[in-house]
Amino acid sequence: MEARQPDVILRLAEATDTRRLRILAQLDSAPAPRGPMLIAEVEGRLRAALPLDGGEPIADPFRRSADLVELLRTRAAQLTGPERRRRGPLATTLSALERRTADLRSPKPLAPL
């Protein structure tokens, strides 16, 4: 019989996550997190978080979390790519279609033929 993999959700932290993030930081003996955070939930439970400003991750020390932290770092790198860094950490990301067509668009209007 094959073991079922738990559901993992990576998402940006919201104001409603503040209390859970403080508790996670206390468990990890870390300072309370500030600023935009990316969080990892397993089966609906907060297991790890990573500040998008480049700070240190926090994680539940009583659960395996190295893989979650690596997932968070990978996702954070996607969210804070070169385009995002120029615009700031809270800027919206481009859709896949916008990214594909951005290189096709000219930075200035073409002159009429």
N, C-alpha and C. Protein backbone atom coordinates (compact mmCIF):
# COMPACT_ATOMS: atom_id res chain seq x y z
N MET A 1 0.83 -1.18 0.00
CA MET A 1 0.00 0.00 0.00
C MET A 1 0.88 1.25 0.00
N GLU A 2 0.57 2.18 -0.86
CA GLU A 2 1.38 3.39 -1.01
C GLU A 2 0.99 4.42 0.04
N ALA A 3 2.00 5.06 0.65
CA ALA A 3 1.75 6.09 1.66
C ALA A 3 1.26 7.37 0.98
N ARG A 4 0.26 7.98 1.57
CA ARG A 4 -0.29 9.23 1.05
C ARG A 4 0.62 10.40 1.44
N GLN A 5 0.95 11.22 0.45
CA GLN A 5 1.76 12.41 0.71
C GLN A 5 0.87 13.50 1.31
N PRO A 6 1.34 14.19 2.33
CA PRO A 6 0.53 15.25 2.93
C PRO A 6 0.40 16.45 1.98
N ASP A 7 -0.69 17.18 2.11
CA ASP A 7 -0.91 18.38 1.32
C ASP A 7 -0.02 19.49 1.85
N VAL A 8 0.75 20.11 0.97
CA VAL A 8 1.63 21.23 1.32
C VAL A 8 1.16 22.44 0.54
N ILE A 9 0.97 23.55 1.26
CA ILE A 9 0.56 24.80 0.62
C ILE A 9 1.60 25.86 0.93
N LEU A 10 2.10 26.51 -0.10
CA LEU A 10 3.00 27.66 0.04
C LEU A 10 2.19 28.89 -0.34
N ARG A 11 2.23 29.90 0.51
CA ARG A 11 1.48 31.12 0.22
C ARG A 11 2.08 32.29 0.98
N LEU A 12 1.67 33.49 0.56
CA LEU A 12 2.08 34.69 1.28
C LEU A 12 1.28 34.78 2.57
N ALA A 13 1.95 35.17 3.64
CA ALA A 13 1.28 35.32 4.93
C ALA A 13 0.33 36.51 4.87
N GLU A 14 -0.76 36.37 5.59
CA GLU A 14 -1.75 37.44 5.69
C GLU A 14 -1.78 37.95 7.12
N ALA A 15 -2.50 39.03 7.36
CA ALA A 15 -2.60 39.60 8.70
C ALA A 15 -3.15 38.58 9.69
N THR A 16 -4.01 37.69 9.22
CA THR A 16 -4.59 36.68 10.11
C THR A 16 -3.58 35.62 10.54
N ASP A 17 -2.41 35.58 9.91
CA ASP A 17 -1.36 34.62 10.27
C ASP A 17 -0.41 35.13 11.33
N THR A 18 -0.54 36.38 11.75
CA THR A 18 0.42 37.00 12.66
C THR A 18 0.60 36.20 13.95
N ARG A 19 -0.49 35.80 14.57
CA ARG A 19 -0.40 35.06 15.83
C ARG A 19 0.30 33.72 15.62
N ARG A 20 -0.06 33.01 14.57
CA ARG A 20 0.57 31.71 14.28
C ARG A 20 2.05 31.87 13.98
N LEU A 21 2.43 32.95 13.30
CA LEU A 21 3.85 33.20 13.02
C LEU A 21 4.63 33.48 14.30
N ARG A 22 4.02 34.24 15.22
CA ARG A 22 4.69 34.49 16.51
C ARG A 22 4.90 33.20 17.29
N ILE A 23 3.89 32.35 17.29
CA ILE A 23 4.02 31.06 18.00
C ILE A 23 5.11 30.20 17.36
N LEU A 24 5.14 30.16 16.03
CA LEU A 24 6.18 29.40 15.32
C LEU A 24 7.56 29.94 15.65
N ALA A 25 7.71 31.25 15.70
CA ALA A 25 9.00 31.87 16.04
C ALA A 25 9.40 31.51 17.46
N GLN A 26 8.46 31.51 18.38
CA GLN A 26 8.77 31.12 19.76
C GLN A 26 9.24 29.67 19.83
N LEU A 27 8.56 28.78 19.11
CA LEU A 27 8.98 27.38 19.08
C LEU A 27 10.40 27.23 18.55
N ASP A 28 10.74 28.07 17.57
CA ASP A 28 12.05 28.01 16.92
C ASP A 28 13.10 28.87 17.64
N SER A 29 12.71 29.47 18.77
CA SER A 29 13.61 30.37 19.51
C SER A 29 14.15 31.48 18.62
N ALA A 30 13.29 32.03 17.80
CA ALA A 30 13.67 33.09 16.86
C ALA A 30 12.88 34.35 17.19
N PRO A 31 13.38 35.50 16.76
CA PRO A 31 12.60 36.74 16.96
C PRO A 31 11.31 36.70 16.16
N ALA A 32 10.33 37.44 16.63
CA ALA A 32 9.05 37.52 15.91
C ALA A 32 9.29 38.05 14.51
N PRO A 33 8.72 37.41 13.51
CA PRO A 33 8.95 37.84 12.12
C PRO A 33 8.27 39.16 11.81
N ARG A 34 8.87 39.90 10.88
CA ARG A 34 8.32 41.18 10.42
C ARG A 34 8.37 41.22 8.91
N GLY A 35 7.51 42.02 8.35
CA GLY A 35 7.52 42.20 6.91
C GLY A 35 6.83 41.07 6.19
N PRO A 36 6.86 41.13 4.86
CA PRO A 36 6.19 40.10 4.07
C PRO A 36 6.86 38.74 4.27
N MET A 37 6.02 37.73 4.46
CA MET A 37 6.51 36.37 4.72
C MET A 37 5.85 35.39 3.75
N LEU A 38 6.60 34.39 3.38
CA LEU A 38 6.08 33.27 2.63
C LEU A 38 5.97 32.12 3.63
N ILE A 39 4.82 31.45 3.66
CA ILE A 39 4.65 30.40 4.65
C ILE A 39 4.36 29.06 3.99
N ALA A 40 4.70 27.99 4.73
CA ALA A 40 4.42 26.62 4.30
C ALA A 40 3.49 25.99 5.32
N GLU A 41 2.37 25.49 4.83
CA GLU A 41 1.42 24.79 5.67
C GLU A 41 1.35 23.33 5.22
N VAL A 42 1.33 22.44 6.19
CA VAL A 42 1.17 21.02 5.91
C VAL A 42 -0.11 20.57 6.60
N GLU A 43 -1.03 20.07 5.79
CA GLU A 43 -2.33 19.65 6.34
C GLU A 43 -2.98 20.77 7.15
N GLY A 44 -2.82 22.01 6.70
CA GLY A 44 -3.44 23.16 7.35
C GLY A 44 -2.68 23.70 8.56
N ARG A 45 -1.55 23.11 8.90
CA ARG A 45 -0.76 23.57 10.05
C ARG A 45 0.49 24.31 9.58
N LEU A 46 0.74 25.46 10.16
CA LEU A 46 1.92 26.26 9.81
C LEU A 46 3.18 25.52 10.27
N ARG A 47 4.08 25.23 9.33
CA ARG A 47 5.29 24.48 9.67
C ARG A 47 6.57 25.27 9.47
N ALA A 48 6.55 26.22 8.51
CA ALA A 48 7.77 26.99 8.24
C ALA A 48 7.38 28.31 7.59
N ALA A 49 8.27 29.29 7.74
CA ALA A 49 8.05 30.61 7.14
C ALA A 49 9.39 31.21 6.75
N LEU A 50 9.35 32.02 5.71
CA LEU A 50 10.57 32.66 5.21
C LEU A 50 10.27 34.12 4.90
N PRO A 51 11.02 35.05 5.51
CA PRO A 51 10.81 36.46 5.17
C PRO A 51 11.25 36.73 3.73
N LEU A 52 10.47 37.51 3.01
CA LEU A 52 10.82 37.82 1.63
C LEU A 52 11.91 38.88 1.52
N ASP A 53 12.28 39.48 2.66
CA ASP A 53 13.36 40.48 2.64
C ASP A 53 14.74 39.83 2.76
N GLY A 54 14.79 38.51 2.75
CA GLY A 54 16.06 37.81 2.82
C GLY A 54 16.47 37.38 4.21
N GLY A 55 15.60 37.51 5.19
CA GLY A 55 15.92 37.09 6.56
C GLY A 55 15.97 35.58 6.70
N GLU A 56 16.23 35.14 7.91
CA GLU A 56 16.34 33.71 8.20
C GLU A 56 14.97 33.06 8.30
N PRO A 57 14.85 31.81 7.85
CA PRO A 57 13.57 31.11 7.96
C PRO A 57 13.31 30.71 9.41
N ILE A 58 12.04 30.48 9.71
CA ILE A 58 11.66 29.90 11.00
C ILE A 58 10.88 28.64 10.69
N ALA A 59 10.98 27.65 11.58
CA ALA A 59 10.31 26.37 11.32
C ALA A 59 10.01 25.67 12.63
N ASP A 60 9.05 24.77 12.57
CA ASP A 60 8.68 23.95 13.71
C ASP A 60 9.83 23.00 14.01
N PRO A 61 10.49 23.14 15.17
CA PRO A 61 11.64 22.29 15.46
C PRO A 61 11.26 20.84 15.79
N PHE A 62 9.98 20.55 15.95
CA PHE A 62 9.54 19.22 16.31
C PHE A 62 9.07 18.41 15.09
N ARG A 63 9.20 18.99 13.92
CA ARG A 63 8.81 18.32 12.66
C ARG A 63 9.95 18.47 11.66
N ARG A 64 10.00 17.55 10.72
CA ARG A 64 10.98 17.68 9.63
C ARG A 64 10.61 18.90 8.80
N SER A 65 11.55 19.78 8.59
CA SER A 65 11.21 21.01 7.88
C SER A 65 12.24 21.44 6.85
N ALA A 66 13.34 20.74 6.74
CA ALA A 66 14.38 21.15 5.78
C ALA A 66 13.84 21.22 4.36
N ASP A 67 13.02 20.24 3.97
CA ASP A 67 12.45 20.25 2.62
C ASP A 67 11.49 21.42 2.43
N LEU A 68 10.72 21.72 3.48
CA LEU A 68 9.79 22.85 3.40
C LEU A 68 10.54 24.17 3.23
N VAL A 69 11.62 24.33 4.01
CA VAL A 69 12.41 25.56 3.91
C VAL A 69 13.01 25.69 2.52
N GLU A 70 13.46 24.57 1.95
CA GLU A 70 14.01 24.62 0.59
C GLU A 70 12.92 25.00 -0.42
N LEU A 71 11.72 24.46 -0.25
CA LEU A 71 10.60 24.85 -1.12
C LEU A 71 10.31 26.35 -0.99
N LEU A 72 10.31 26.85 0.25
CA LEU A 72 10.07 28.27 0.48
C LEU A 72 11.14 29.12 -0.20
N ARG A 73 12.39 28.71 -0.10
CA ARG A 73 13.48 29.47 -0.73
C ARG A 73 13.33 29.48 -2.25
N THR A 74 12.95 28.35 -2.80
CA THR A 74 12.76 28.27 -4.25
C THR A 74 11.62 29.19 -4.69
N ARG A 75 10.51 29.12 -3.96
CA ARG A 75 9.36 29.97 -4.31
C ARG A 75 9.69 31.45 -4.10
N ALA A 76 10.41 31.77 -3.02
CA ALA A 76 10.79 33.17 -2.77
C ALA A 76 11.68 33.69 -3.90
N ALA A 77 12.58 32.84 -4.40
CA ALA A 77 13.44 33.26 -5.52
C ALA A 77 12.60 33.55 -6.76
N GLN A 78 11.54 32.77 -6.96
CA GLN A 78 10.64 33.04 -8.09
C GLN A 78 9.91 34.37 -7.90
N LEU A 79 9.48 34.63 -6.68
CA LEU A 79 8.72 35.85 -6.40
C LEU A 79 9.60 37.09 -6.37
N THR A 80 10.86 36.93 -6.06
CA THR A 80 11.75 38.09 -5.93
C THR A 80 12.80 38.11 -7.04
N GLY A 81 12.41 37.65 -8.22
CA GLY A 81 13.31 37.66 -9.37
C GLY A 81 13.70 39.09 -9.73
N PRO A 82 14.53 39.28 -10.76
CA PRO A 82 15.03 40.61 -11.12
C PRO A 82 13.93 41.65 -11.32
N GLU A 83 12.86 41.28 -12.01
CA GLU A 83 11.77 42.23 -12.26
C GLU A 83 11.14 42.67 -10.94
N ARG A 84 10.93 41.74 -10.04
CA ARG A 84 10.29 42.03 -8.75
C ARG A 84 11.20 42.88 -7.86
N ARG A 85 12.50 42.62 -7.88
CA ARG A 85 13.43 43.38 -7.04
C ARG A 85 13.43 44.85 -7.41
N ARG A 86 13.30 45.15 -8.72
CA ARG A 86 13.30 46.55 -9.16
C ARG A 86 12.07 47.28 -8.65
N ARG A 87 10.94 46.57 -8.54
CA ARG A 87 9.69 47.21 -8.18
C ARG A 87 9.39 47.13 -6.69
N GLY A 88 10.11 46.35 -5.93
CA GLY A 88 9.86 46.24 -4.50
C GLY A 88 9.18 44.93 -4.15
N PRO A 89 9.25 44.51 -2.86
CA PRO A 89 8.78 43.20 -2.45
C PRO A 89 7.27 43.03 -2.52
N LEU A 90 6.49 44.10 -2.50
CA LEU A 90 5.05 43.95 -2.49
C LEU A 90 4.41 44.19 -3.85
N ALA A 91 5.23 44.41 -4.86
CA ALA A 91 4.68 44.64 -6.20
C ALA A 91 4.05 43.35 -6.72
N THR A 92 3.07 43.49 -7.58
CA THR A 92 2.43 42.29 -8.12
C THR A 92 3.33 41.65 -9.16
N THR A 93 3.21 40.34 -9.29
CA THR A 93 4.03 39.64 -10.27
C THR A 93 3.33 39.63 -11.62
N LEU A 94 4.10 39.46 -12.66
CA LEU A 94 3.55 39.38 -14.00
C LEU A 94 2.98 37.99 -14.21
N SER A 95 1.92 37.90 -14.97
CA SER A 95 1.39 36.59 -15.32
C SER A 95 2.34 35.93 -16.30
N ALA A 96 2.17 34.64 -16.51
CA ALA A 96 3.03 33.91 -17.44
C ALA A 96 2.92 34.51 -18.84
N LEU A 97 1.71 34.87 -19.26
CA LEU A 97 1.53 35.47 -20.58
C LEU A 97 2.24 36.82 -20.67
N GLU A 98 2.13 37.63 -19.62
CA GLU A 98 2.81 38.94 -19.63
C GLU A 98 4.32 38.77 -19.70
N ARG A 99 4.86 37.77 -19.00
CA ARG A 99 6.31 37.56 -19.04
C ARG A 99 6.75 37.12 -20.43
N ARG A 100 5.97 36.24 -21.06
CA ARG A 100 6.34 35.75 -22.40
C ARG A 100 6.27 36.85 -23.43
N THR A 101 5.30 37.75 -23.31
CA THR A 101 5.14 38.79 -24.33
C THR A 101 5.94 40.05 -24.01
N ALA A 102 6.44 40.18 -22.80
CA ALA A 102 7.18 41.39 -22.42
C ALA A 102 8.41 41.58 -23.31
N ASP A 103 9.07 40.48 -23.66
CA ASP A 103 10.26 40.59 -24.50
C ASP A 103 9.91 40.92 -25.95
N LEU A 104 8.67 40.64 -26.33
CA LEU A 104 8.26 40.92 -27.71
C LEU A 104 7.87 42.37 -27.91
N ARG A 105 7.48 43.03 -26.83
CA ARG A 105 7.04 44.42 -26.94
C ARG A 105 8.23 45.36 -27.01
N SER A 106 8.11 46.35 -27.84
CA SER A 106 9.15 47.36 -27.97
C SER A 106 9.04 48.34 -26.81
N PRO A 107 10.15 48.82 -26.27
CA PRO A 107 10.07 49.79 -25.17
C PRO A 107 9.48 51.12 -25.60
N LYS A 108 9.52 51.44 -26.88
CA LYS A 108 8.90 52.68 -27.38
C LYS A 108 8.08 52.33 -28.62
N PRO A 109 7.11 53.14 -28.94
CA PRO A 109 6.26 52.85 -30.09
C PRO A 109 7.08 52.81 -31.38
N LEU A 110 6.66 51.95 -32.28
CA LEU A 110 7.32 51.87 -33.58
C LEU A 110 6.88 53.05 -34.44
N ALA A 111 7.78 53.53 -35.26
CA ALA A 111 7.47 54.63 -36.18
C ALA A 111 6.60 54.07 -37.31
N PRO A 112 5.65 54.88 -37.79
CA PRO A 112 4.81 54.39 -38.90
C PRO A 112 5.67 54.13 -40.13
N LEU A 113 5.25 53.13 -40.92
CA LEU A 113 6.01 52.76 -42.13
C LEU A 113 5.72 53.68 -43.27
